[in-house]
PDB file of N, CA and C in Angstrom:
ATOM      1  N   UNK A   1     -47.623 -54.698  53.029  1.00  0.00           N
ATOM      2  CA  UNK A   1     -48.068 -53.694  52.104  1.00  0.00           C
ATOM      3  C   UNK A   1     -48.395 -54.431  50.780  1.00  0.00           C
ATOM      4  N   UNK A   2     -49.459 -54.057  50.156  1.00  0.00           N
ATOM      5  CA  UNK A   2     -49.871 -54.658  48.924  1.00  0.00           C
ATOM      6  C   UNK A   2     -49.052 -54.136  47.741  1.00  0.00           C
ATOM      7  N   UNK A   3     -49.128 -54.894  46.673  1.00  0.00           N
ATOM      8  CA  UNK A   3     -48.339 -54.493  45.489  1.00  0.00           C
ATOM      9  C   UNK A   3     -48.844 -53.147  44.988  1.00  0.00           C
ATOM     10  N   UNK A   4     -50.159 -52.897  44.906  1.00  0.00           N
ATOM     11  CA  UNK A   4     -50.702 -51.661  44.472  1.00  0.00           C
ATOM     12  C   UNK A   4     -50.289 -50.494  45.348  1.00  0.00           C
ATOM     13  N   UNK A   5     -50.255 -50.664  46.638  1.00  0.00           N
ATOM     14  CA  UNK A   5     -49.801 -49.588  47.556  1.00  0.00           C
ATOM     15  C   UNK A   5     -48.366 -49.253  47.305  1.00  0.00           C
ATOM     16  N   UNK A   6     -47.529 -50.294  47.100  1.00  0.00           N
ATOM     17  CA  UNK A   6     -46.139 -50.046  46.871  1.00  0.00           C
ATOM     18  C   UNK A   6     -45.893 -49.369  45.540  1.00  0.00           C
ATOM     19  N   UNK A   7     -46.672 -49.670  44.536  1.00  0.00           N
ATOM     20  CA  UNK A   7     -46.531 -49.040  43.229  1.00  0.00           C
ATOM     21  C   UNK A   7     -46.995 -47.580  43.295  1.00  0.00           C
ATOM     22  N   UNK A   8     -47.946 -47.309  44.113  1.00  0.00           N
ATOM     23  CA  UNK A   8     -48.472 -45.923  44.222  1.00  0.00           C
ATOM     24  C   UNK A   8     -47.545 -45.006  44.939  1.00  0.00           C
ATOM     25  N   UNK A   9     -46.713 -45.599  45.792  1.00  0.00           N
ATOM     26  CA  UNK A   9     -45.758 -44.829  46.614  1.00  0.00           C
ATOM     27  C   UNK A   9     -44.621 -44.365  45.725  1.00  0.00           C
ATOM     28  N   UNK A  10     -44.177 -43.099  45.905  1.00  0.00           N
ATOM     29  CA  UNK A  10     -43.008 -42.629  45.131  1.00  0.00           C
ATOM     30  C   UNK A  10     -41.699 -43.339  45.572  1.00  0.00           C
ATOM     31  N   UNK A  11     -40.828 -43.565  44.614  1.00  0.00           N
ATOM     32  CA  UNK A  11     -39.561 -44.180  44.929  1.00  0.00           C
ATOM     33  C   UNK A  11     -38.524 -43.096  44.882  1.00  0.00           C
ATOM     34  N   UNK A  12     -37.790 -42.967  46.010  1.00  0.00           N
ATOM     35  CA  UNK A  12     -36.794 -41.907  46.081  1.00  0.00           C
ATOM     36  C   UNK A  12     -35.510 -42.314  45.278  1.00  0.00           C
ATOM     37  N   UNK A  13     -34.976 -41.430  44.571  1.00  0.00           N
ATOM     38  CA  UNK A  13     -33.834 -41.732  43.656  1.00  0.00           C
ATOM     39  C   UNK A  13     -32.568 -41.860  44.506  1.00  0.00           C
ATOM     40  N   UNK A  14     -32.360 -40.903  45.393  1.00  0.00           N
ATOM     41  CA  UNK A  14     -31.102 -40.946  46.116  1.00  0.00           C
ATOM     42  C   UNK A  14     -31.381 -40.953  47.667  1.00  0.00           C
ATOM     43  N   UNK A  15     -30.585 -41.674  48.413  1.00  0.00           N
ATOM     44  CA  UNK A  15     -30.791 -41.616  49.859  1.00  0.00           C
ATOM     45  C   UNK A  15     -30.488 -40.268  50.368  1.00  0.00           C
ATOM     46  N   UNK A  16     -31.307 -39.831  51.329  1.00  0.00           N
ATOM     47  CA  UNK A  16     -31.133 -38.544  51.902  1.00  0.00           C
ATOM     48  C   UNK A  16     -30.622 -38.685  53.357  1.00  0.00           C
ATOM     49  N   UNK A  17     -30.072 -37.692  53.846  1.00  0.00           N
ATOM     50  CA  UNK A  17     -29.636 -37.723  55.212  1.00  0.00           C
ATOM     51  C   UNK A  17     -28.111 -37.411  55.366  1.00  0.00           C
ATOM     52  N   UNK A  18     -27.700 -37.513  56.556  1.00  0.00           N
ATOM     53  CA  UNK A  18     -26.348 -37.064  56.913  1.00  0.00           C
ATOM     54  C   UNK A  18     -25.296 -38.050  56.333  1.00  0.00           C
ATOM     55  N   UNK A  19     -25.639 -39.376  56.356  1.00  0.00           N
ATOM     56  CA  UNK A  19     -24.653 -40.388  55.988  1.00  0.00           C
ATOM     57  C   UNK A  19     -24.903 -40.922  54.588  1.00  0.00           C
ATOM     58  N   UNK A  20     -25.629 -40.231  53.773  1.00  0.00           N
ATOM     59  CA  UNK A  20     -25.874 -40.655  52.396  1.00  0.00           C
ATOM     60  C   UNK A  20     -24.580 -40.513  51.598  1.00  0.00           C
ATOM     61  N   UNK A  21     -24.294 -41.558  50.871  1.00  0.00           N
ATOM     62  CA  UNK A  21     -23.040 -41.478  50.032  1.00  0.00           C
ATOM     63  C   UNK A  21     -23.399 -40.924  48.683  1.00  0.00           C
ATOM     64  N   UNK A  22     -22.538 -40.077  48.126  1.00  0.00           N
ATOM     65  CA  UNK A  22     -22.796 -39.562  46.786  1.00  0.00           C
ATOM     66  C   UNK A  22     -22.655 -40.675  45.738  1.00  0.00           C
ATOM     67  N   UNK A  23     -23.461 -40.600  44.714  1.00  0.00           N
ATOM     68  CA  UNK A  23     -23.388 -41.595  43.656  1.00  0.00           C
ATOM     69  C   UNK A  23     -22.186 -41.299  42.768  1.00  0.00           C
ATOM     70  N   UNK A  24     -21.585 -42.297  42.186  1.00  0.00           N
ATOM     71  CA  UNK A  24     -20.424 -42.050  41.294  1.00  0.00           C
ATOM     72  C   UNK A  24     -20.870 -41.321  40.046  1.00  0.00           C
ATOM     73  N   UNK A  25     -19.951 -40.509  39.530  1.00  0.00           N
ATOM     74  CA  UNK A  25     -20.257 -39.657  38.394  1.00  0.00           C
ATOM     75  C   UNK A  25     -19.861 -40.364  37.078  1.00  0.00           C
ATOM     76  N   UNK A  26     -19.027 -41.409  37.124  1.00  0.00           N
ATOM     77  CA  UNK A  26     -18.580 -41.961  35.856  1.00  0.00           C
ATOM     78  C   UNK A  26     -19.626 -42.563  34.962  1.00  0.00           C
ATOM     79  N   UNK A  27     -20.785 -43.105  35.417  1.00  0.00           N
ATOM     80  CA  UNK A  27     -21.747 -43.527  34.483  1.00  0.00           C
ATOM     81  C   UNK A  27     -22.387 -42.413  33.676  1.00  0.00           C
ATOM     82  N   UNK A  28     -22.576 -41.306  34.343  1.00  0.00           N
ATOM     83  CA  UNK A  28     -23.136 -40.158  33.603  1.00  0.00           C
ATOM     84  C   UNK A  28     -22.136 -39.607  32.588  1.00  0.00           C
ATOM     85  N   UNK A  29     -20.853 -39.522  32.984  1.00  0.00           N
ATOM     86  CA  UNK A  29     -19.816 -39.052  32.076  1.00  0.00           C
ATOM     87  C   UNK A  29     -19.667 -40.003  30.888  1.00  0.00           C
ATOM     88  N   UNK A  30     -19.671 -41.320  31.172  1.00  0.00           N
ATOM     89  CA  UNK A  30     -19.565 -42.259  30.024  1.00  0.00           C
ATOM     90  C   UNK A  30     -20.779 -42.231  29.123  1.00  0.00           C
ATOM     91  N   UNK A  31     -21.981 -42.089  29.703  1.00  0.00           N
ATOM     92  CA  UNK A  31     -23.170 -41.961  28.867  1.00  0.00           C
ATOM     93  C   UNK A  31     -23.123 -40.720  27.977  1.00  0.00           C
ATOM     94  N   UNK A  32     -22.705 -39.615  28.545  1.00  0.00           N
ATOM     95  CA  UNK A  32     -22.668 -38.412  27.726  1.00  0.00           C
ATOM     96  C   UNK A  32     -21.640 -38.520  26.629  1.00  0.00           C
ATOM     97  N   UNK A  33     -20.504 -39.193  26.927  1.00  0.00           N
ATOM     98  CA  UNK A  33     -19.466 -39.361  25.935  1.00  0.00           C
ATOM     99  C   UNK A  33     -19.983 -40.243  24.790  1.00  0.00           C
ATOM    100  N   UNK A  34     -20.645 -41.314  25.113  1.00  0.00           N
ATOM    101  CA  UNK A  34     -21.180 -42.166  24.065  1.00  0.00           C
ATOM    102  C   UNK A  34     -22.188 -41.449  23.244  1.00  0.00           C
ATOM    103  N   UNK A  35     -23.055 -40.635  23.907  1.00  0.00           N
ATOM    104  CA  UNK A  35     -24.059 -39.868  23.134  1.00  0.00           C
ATOM    105  C   UNK A  35     -23.362 -38.914  22.197  1.00  0.00           C
ATOM    106  N   UNK A  36     -22.391 -38.173  22.636  1.00  0.00           N
ATOM    107  CA  UNK A  36     -21.697 -37.168  21.829  1.00  0.00           C
ATOM    108  C   UNK A  36     -20.954 -37.834  20.677  1.00  0.00           C
ATOM    109  N   UNK A  37     -20.298 -38.973  20.895  1.00  0.00           N
ATOM    110  CA  UNK A  37     -19.579 -39.630  19.865  1.00  0.00           C
ATOM    111  C   UNK A  37     -20.586 -40.177  18.814  1.00  0.00           C
ATOM    112  N   UNK A  38     -21.698 -40.737  19.245  1.00  0.00           N
ATOM    113  CA  UNK A  38     -22.684 -41.245  18.263  1.00  0.00           C
ATOM    114  C   UNK A  38     -23.328 -40.111  17.528  1.00  0.00           C
ATOM    115  N   UNK A  39     -23.564 -38.956  18.169  1.00  0.00           N
ATOM    116  CA  UNK A  39     -24.113 -37.810  17.424  1.00  0.00           C
ATOM    117  C   UNK A  39     -23.185 -37.321  16.383  1.00  0.00           C
ATOM    118  N   UNK A  40     -21.903 -37.228  16.706  1.00  0.00           N
ATOM    119  CA  UNK A  40     -20.938 -36.783  15.725  1.00  0.00           C
ATOM    120  C   UNK A  40     -20.812 -37.773  14.589  1.00  0.00           C
ATOM    121  N   UNK A  41     -20.799 -39.050  14.927  1.00  0.00           N
ATOM    122  CA  UNK A  41     -20.692 -40.102  13.854  1.00  0.00           C
ATOM    123  C   UNK A  41     -21.913 -40.035  12.910  1.00  0.00           C
ATOM    124  N   UNK A  42     -23.083 -39.836  13.483  1.00  0.00           N
ATOM    125  CA  UNK A  42     -24.306 -39.762  12.647  1.00  0.00           C
ATOM    126  C   UNK A  42     -24.285 -38.518  11.793  1.00  0.00           C
ATOM    127  N   UNK A  43     -23.842 -37.403  12.376  1.00  0.00           N
ATOM    128  CA  UNK A  43     -23.794 -36.137  11.567  1.00  0.00           C
ATOM    129  C   UNK A  43     -22.806 -36.208  10.438  1.00  0.00           C
ATOM    130  N   UNK A  44     -21.633 -36.849  10.728  1.00  0.00           N
ATOM    131  CA  UNK A  44     -20.619 -37.028   9.662  1.00  0.00           C
ATOM    132  C   UNK A  44     -21.083 -37.980   8.549  1.00  0.00           C
ATOM    133  N   UNK A  45     -21.797 -39.053   9.018  1.00  0.00           N
ATOM    134  CA  UNK A  45     -22.333 -40.011   8.008  1.00  0.00           C
ATOM    135  C   UNK A  45     -23.371 -39.374   7.094  1.00  0.00           C
ATOM    136  N   UNK A  46     -24.235 -38.542   7.718  1.00  0.00           N
ATOM    137  CA  UNK A  46     -25.272 -37.871   6.878  1.00  0.00           C
ATOM    138  C   UNK A  46     -24.642 -36.871   5.916  1.00  0.00           C
ATOM    139  N   UNK A  47     -23.707 -36.083   6.458  1.00  0.00           N
ATOM    140  CA  UNK A  47     -23.060 -35.102   5.619  1.00  0.00           C
ATOM    141  C   UNK A  47     -22.118 -35.730   4.570  1.00  0.00           C
ATOM    142  N   UNK A  48     -21.451 -36.797   4.948  1.00  0.00           N
ATOM    143  CA  UNK A  48     -20.507 -37.489   4.023  1.00  0.00           C
ATOM    144  C   UNK A  48     -21.173 -38.174   2.882  1.00  0.00           C
ATOM    145  N   UNK A  49     -22.316 -38.807   3.138  1.00  0.00           N
ATOM    146  CA  UNK A  49     -23.035 -39.520   2.089  1.00  0.00           C
ATOM    147  C   UNK A  49     -24.013 -38.653   1.326  1.00  0.00           C
ATOM    148  N   UNK A  50     -24.215 -37.396   1.735  1.00  0.00           N
ATOM    149  CA  UNK A  50     -25.070 -36.499   1.037  1.00  0.00           C
ATOM    150  C   UNK A  50     -26.510 -36.763   1.342  1.00  0.00           C
ATOM    151  N   UNK A  51     -26.832 -37.424   2.430  1.00  0.00           N
ATOM    152  CA  UNK A  51     -28.201 -37.735   2.774  1.00  0.00           C
ATOM    153  C   UNK A  51     -28.919 -36.510   3.295  1.00  0.00           C
ATOM    154  N   UNK A  52     -30.233 -36.421   3.242  1.00  0.00           N
ATOM    155  CA  UNK A  52     -30.919 -35.292   3.809  1.00  0.00           C
ATOM    156  C   UNK A  52     -30.731 -35.215   5.364  1.00  0.00           C
ATOM    157  N   UNK A  53     -30.626 -34.025   5.882  1.00  0.00           N
ATOM    158  CA  UNK A  53     -30.378 -33.911   7.331  1.00  0.00           C
ATOM    159  C   UNK A  53     -31.538 -34.397   8.178  1.00  0.00           C
ATOM    160  N   UNK A  54     -32.725 -34.562   7.628  1.00  0.00           N
ATOM    161  CA  UNK A  54     -33.854 -35.039   8.397  1.00  0.00           C
ATOM    162  C   UNK A  54     -33.612 -36.499   8.884  1.00  0.00           C
ATOM    163  N   UNK A  55     -32.655 -37.188   8.267  1.00  0.00           N
ATOM    164  CA  UNK A  55     -32.372 -38.529   8.738  1.00  0.00           C
ATOM    165  C   UNK A  55     -31.665 -38.551  10.066  1.00  0.00           C
ATOM    166  N   UNK A  56     -31.224 -37.449  10.587  1.00  0.00           N
ATOM    167  CA  UNK A  56     -30.665 -37.403  11.940  1.00  0.00           C
ATOM    168  C   UNK A  56     -31.714 -37.628  12.996  1.00  0.00           C
ATOM    169  N   UNK A  57     -32.981 -37.422  12.612  1.00  0.00           N
ATOM    170  CA  UNK A  57     -34.056 -37.635  13.588  1.00  0.00           C
ATOM    171  C   UNK A  57     -34.135 -39.113  13.985  1.00  0.00           C
ATOM    172  N   UNK A  58     -33.823 -39.995  13.032  1.00  0.00           N
ATOM    173  CA  UNK A  58     -33.984 -41.469  13.330  1.00  0.00           C
ATOM    174  C   UNK A  58     -33.035 -41.887  14.499  1.00  0.00           C
ATOM    175  N   UNK A  59     -31.685 -41.700  14.384  1.00  0.00           N
ATOM    176  CA  UNK A  59     -30.807 -42.078  15.481  1.00  0.00           C
ATOM    177  C   UNK A  59     -31.109 -41.329  16.777  1.00  0.00           C
ATOM    178  N   UNK A  60     -31.516 -40.066  16.667  1.00  0.00           N
ATOM    179  CA  UNK A  60     -31.854 -39.290  17.880  1.00  0.00           C
ATOM    180  C   UNK A  60     -33.057 -39.895  18.597  1.00  0.00           C
ATOM    181  N   UNK A  61     -34.087 -40.265  17.797  1.00  0.00           N
ATOM    182  CA  UNK A  61     -35.269 -40.852  18.396  1.00  0.00           C
ATOM    183  C   UNK A  61     -34.946 -42.248  18.991  1.00  0.00           C
ATOM    184  N   UNK A  62     -34.119 -43.022  18.294  1.00  0.00           N
ATOM    185  CA  UNK A  62     -33.705 -44.355  18.901  1.00  0.00           C
ATOM    186  C   UNK A  62     -32.991 -44.181  20.213  1.00  0.00           C
ATOM    187  N   UNK A  63     -32.085 -43.222  20.289  1.00  0.00           N
ATOM    188  CA  UNK A  63     -31.370 -42.969  21.537  1.00  0.00           C
ATOM    189  C   UNK A  63     -32.305 -42.552  22.636  1.00  0.00           C
ATOM    190  N   UNK A  64     -33.235 -41.648  22.296  1.00  0.00           N
ATOM    191  CA  UNK A  64     -34.175 -41.113  23.322  1.00  0.00           C
ATOM    192  C   UNK A  64     -35.049 -42.269  23.852  1.00  0.00           C
ATOM    193  N   UNK A  65     -35.533 -43.182  22.958  1.00  0.00           N
ATOM    194  CA  UNK A  65     -36.334 -44.269  23.383  1.00  0.00           C
ATOM    195  C   UNK A  65     -35.500 -45.262  24.271  1.00  0.00           C
ATOM    196  N   UNK A  66     -34.272 -45.454  23.923  1.00  0.00           N
ATOM    197  CA  UNK A  66     -33.448 -46.370  24.736  1.00  0.00           C
ATOM    198  C   UNK A  66     -33.202 -45.736  26.128  1.00  0.00           C
ATOM    199  N   UNK A  67     -32.906 -44.445  26.180  1.00  0.00           N
ATOM    200  CA  UNK A  67     -32.687 -43.843  27.452  1.00  0.00           C
ATOM    201  C   UNK A  67     -33.966 -43.845  28.338  1.00  0.00           C
ATOM    202  N   UNK A  68     -35.075 -43.638  27.709  1.00  0.00           N
ATOM    203  CA  UNK A  68     -36.323 -43.655  28.503  1.00  0.00           C
ATOM    204  C   UNK A  68     -36.635 -45.081  29.003  1.00  0.00           C
ATOM    205  N   UNK A  69     -36.403 -46.048  28.219  1.00  0.00           N
ATOM    206  CA  UNK A  69     -36.708 -47.404  28.656  1.00  0.00           C
ATOM    207  C   UNK A  69     -35.788 -47.858  29.741  1.00  0.00           C
ATOM    208  N   UNK A  70     -34.486 -47.452  29.743  1.00  0.00           N
ATOM    209  CA  UNK A  70     -33.572 -47.782  30.787  1.00  0.00           C
ATOM    210  C   UNK A  70     -34.020 -47.140  32.104  1.00  0.00           C
ATOM    211  N   UNK A  71     -34.461 -45.891  32.011  1.00  0.00           N
ATOM    212  CA  UNK A  71     -34.911 -45.204  33.248  1.00  0.00           C
ATOM    213  C   UNK A  71     -36.151 -45.847  33.828  1.00  0.00           C
ATOM    214  N   UNK A  72     -37.086 -46.238  32.946  1.00  0.00           N
ATOM    215  CA  UNK A  72     -38.311 -46.945  33.427  1.00  0.00           C
ATOM    216  C   UNK A  72     -37.973 -48.298  34.031  1.00  0.00           C
ATOM    217  N   UNK A  73     -37.049 -49.032  33.445  1.00  0.00           N
ATOM    218  CA  UNK A  73     -36.672 -50.331  33.999  1.00  0.00           C
ATOM    219  C   UNK A  73     -35.976 -50.225  35.338  1.00  0.00           C
ATOM    220  N   UNK A  74     -35.149 -49.165  35.529  1.00  0.00           N
ATOM    221  CA  UNK A  74     -34.528 -48.939  36.792  1.00  0.00           C
ATOM    222  C   UNK A  74     -35.561 -48.569  37.860  1.00  0.00           C
ATOM    223  N   UNK A  75     -36.524 -47.792  37.537  1.00  0.00           N
ATOM    224  CA  UNK A  75     -37.594 -47.413  38.458  1.00  0.00           C
ATOM    225  C   UNK A  75     -38.359 -48.634  38.840  1.00  0.00           C
ATOM    226  N   UNK A  76     -38.773 -49.460  37.874  1.00  0.00           N
ATOM    227  CA  UNK A  76     -39.536 -50.690  38.149  1.00  0.00           C
ATOM    228  C   UNK A  76     -38.735 -51.610  39.012  1.00  0.00           C
ATOM    229  N   UNK A  77     -37.423 -51.751  38.751  1.00  0.00           N
ATOM    230  CA  UNK A  77     -36.632 -52.632  39.607  1.00  0.00           C
ATOM    231  C   UNK A  77     -36.512 -52.158  41.036  1.00  0.00           C
ATOM    232  N   UNK A  78     -36.439 -50.805  41.226  1.00  0.00           N
ATOM    233  CA  UNK A  78     -36.420 -50.291  42.591  1.00  0.00           C
ATOM    234  C   UNK A  78     -37.765 -50.596  43.295  1.00  0.00           C
ATOM    235  N   UNK A  79     -38.887 -50.448  42.615  1.00  0.00           N
ATOM    236  CA  UNK A  79     -40.162 -50.691  43.253  1.00  0.00           C
ATOM    237  C   UNK A  79     -40.306 -52.177  43.606  1.00  0.00           C
ATOM    238  N   UNK A  80     -39.838 -53.043  42.698  1.00  0.00           N
ATOM    239  CA  UNK A  80     -39.905 -54.506  42.988  1.00  0.00           C
ATOM    240  C   UNK A  80     -39.068 -54.818  44.165  1.00  0.00           C
ATOM    241  N   UNK A  81     -37.832 -54.248  44.265  1.00  0.00           N
ATOM    242  CA  UNK A  81     -36.971 -54.513  45.362  1.00  0.00           C
ATOM    243  C   UNK A  81     -37.584 -54.048  46.685  1.00  0.00           C
ATOM    244  N   UNK A  82     -38.323 -52.876  46.669  1.00  0.00           N
ATOM    245  CA  UNK A  82     -38.934 -52.351  47.832  1.00  0.00           C
ATOM    246  C   UNK A  82     -40.042 -53.339  48.278  1.00  0.00           C
ATOM    247  N   UNK A  83     -40.849 -53.807  47.338  1.00  0.00           N
ATOM    248  CA  UNK A  83     -41.925 -54.751  47.698  1.00  0.00           C
ATOM    249  C   UNK A  83     -41.359 -56.051  48.331  1.00  0.00           C
ATOM    250  N   UNK A  84     -40.321 -56.605  47.708  1.00  0.00           N
ATOM    251  CA  UNK A  84     -39.719 -57.810  48.288  1.00  0.00           C
ATOM    252  C   UNK A  84     -39.128 -57.558  49.636  1.00  0.00           C
ATOM    253  N   UNK A  85     -38.451 -56.455  49.840  1.00  0.00           N
ATOM    254  CA  UNK A  85     -37.860 -56.145  51.119  1.00  0.00           C
ATOM    255  C   UNK A  85     -38.888 -55.979  52.228  1.00  0.00           C
ATOM    256  N   UNK A  86     -40.022 -55.362  51.865  1.00  0.00           N
ATOM    257  CA  UNK A  86     -41.063 -55.207  52.858  1.00  0.00           C
ATOM    258  C   UNK A  86     -41.755 -56.552  53.147  1.00  0.00           C
ATOM    259  N   UNK A  87     -41.919 -57.362  52.111  1.00  0.00           N
ATOM    260  CA  UNK A  87     -42.569 -58.666  52.316  1.00  0.00           C
ATOM    261  C   UNK A  87     -41.690 -59.605  53.172  1.00  0.00           C
ATOM    262  N   UNK A  88     -40.371 -59.498  52.936  1.00  0.00           N
ATOM    263  CA  UNK A  88     -39.440 -60.363  53.702  1.00  0.00           C
ATOM    264  C   UNK A  88     -39.241 -59.901  55.131  1.00  0.00           C
ATOM    265  N   UNK A  89     -39.415 -58.584  55.360  1.00  0.00           N
ATOM    266  CA  UNK A  89     -39.190 -58.060  56.687  1.00  0.00           C
ATOM    267  C   UNK A  89     -40.380 -58.252  57.606  1.00  0.00           C
ATOM    268  N   UNK A  90     -41.527 -58.473  57.080  1.00  0.00           N
ATOM    269  CA  UNK A  90     -42.720 -58.663  57.881  1.00  0.00           C
ATOM    270  C   UNK A  90     -42.722 -60.067  58.526  1.00  0.00           C
ATOM    271  N   UNK A  91     -43.028 -60.166  59.752  1.00  0.00           N
ATOM    272  CA  UNK A  91     -43.110 -61.516  60.362  1.00  0.00           C
ATOM    273  C   UNK A  91     -44.390 -62.249  59.819  1.00  0.00           C
ATOM    274  N   UNK A  92     -44.215 -63.562  59.722  1.00  0.00           N
ATOM    275  CA  UNK A  92     -45.304 -64.357  59.278  1.00  0.00           C
ATOM    276  C   UNK A  92     -46.462 -64.381  60.257  1.00  0.00           C
ATOM    277  N   UNK A  93     -47.709 -64.274  59.831  1.00  0.00           N
ATOM    278  CA  UNK A  93     -48.785 -64.283  60.678  1.00  0.00           C
ATOM    279  C   UNK A  93     -49.606 -65.539  60.423  1.00  0.00           C
ATOM    280  N   UNK A  94     -49.797 -66.364  61.392  1.00  0.00           N
ATOM    281  CA  UNK A  94     -50.577 -67.601  61.212  1.00  0.00           C
ATOM    282  C   UNK A  94     -51.927 -67.483  61.858  1.00  0.00           C
TER     283      UNK A  94
END
């Protein structure tokens, strides 16, 4: 399979089927806890220093960009793994 064909194919997030194992929940829980703690910290800092509330947009935007880039990197890594697995599984043709 070519690189372009593999990139055009959708990457499944979770394995499906009878024997698929559920993914652990602790990364989601930890991520939400970090987000809530940072949101409270930013809100307290803005209120405590008397800054305008519009400054809360900056940390929120930074967090949103970080989360989006991590998701894109994970998707790209899955696609690359799929390409390598297919290339390695094909027998060599001479």
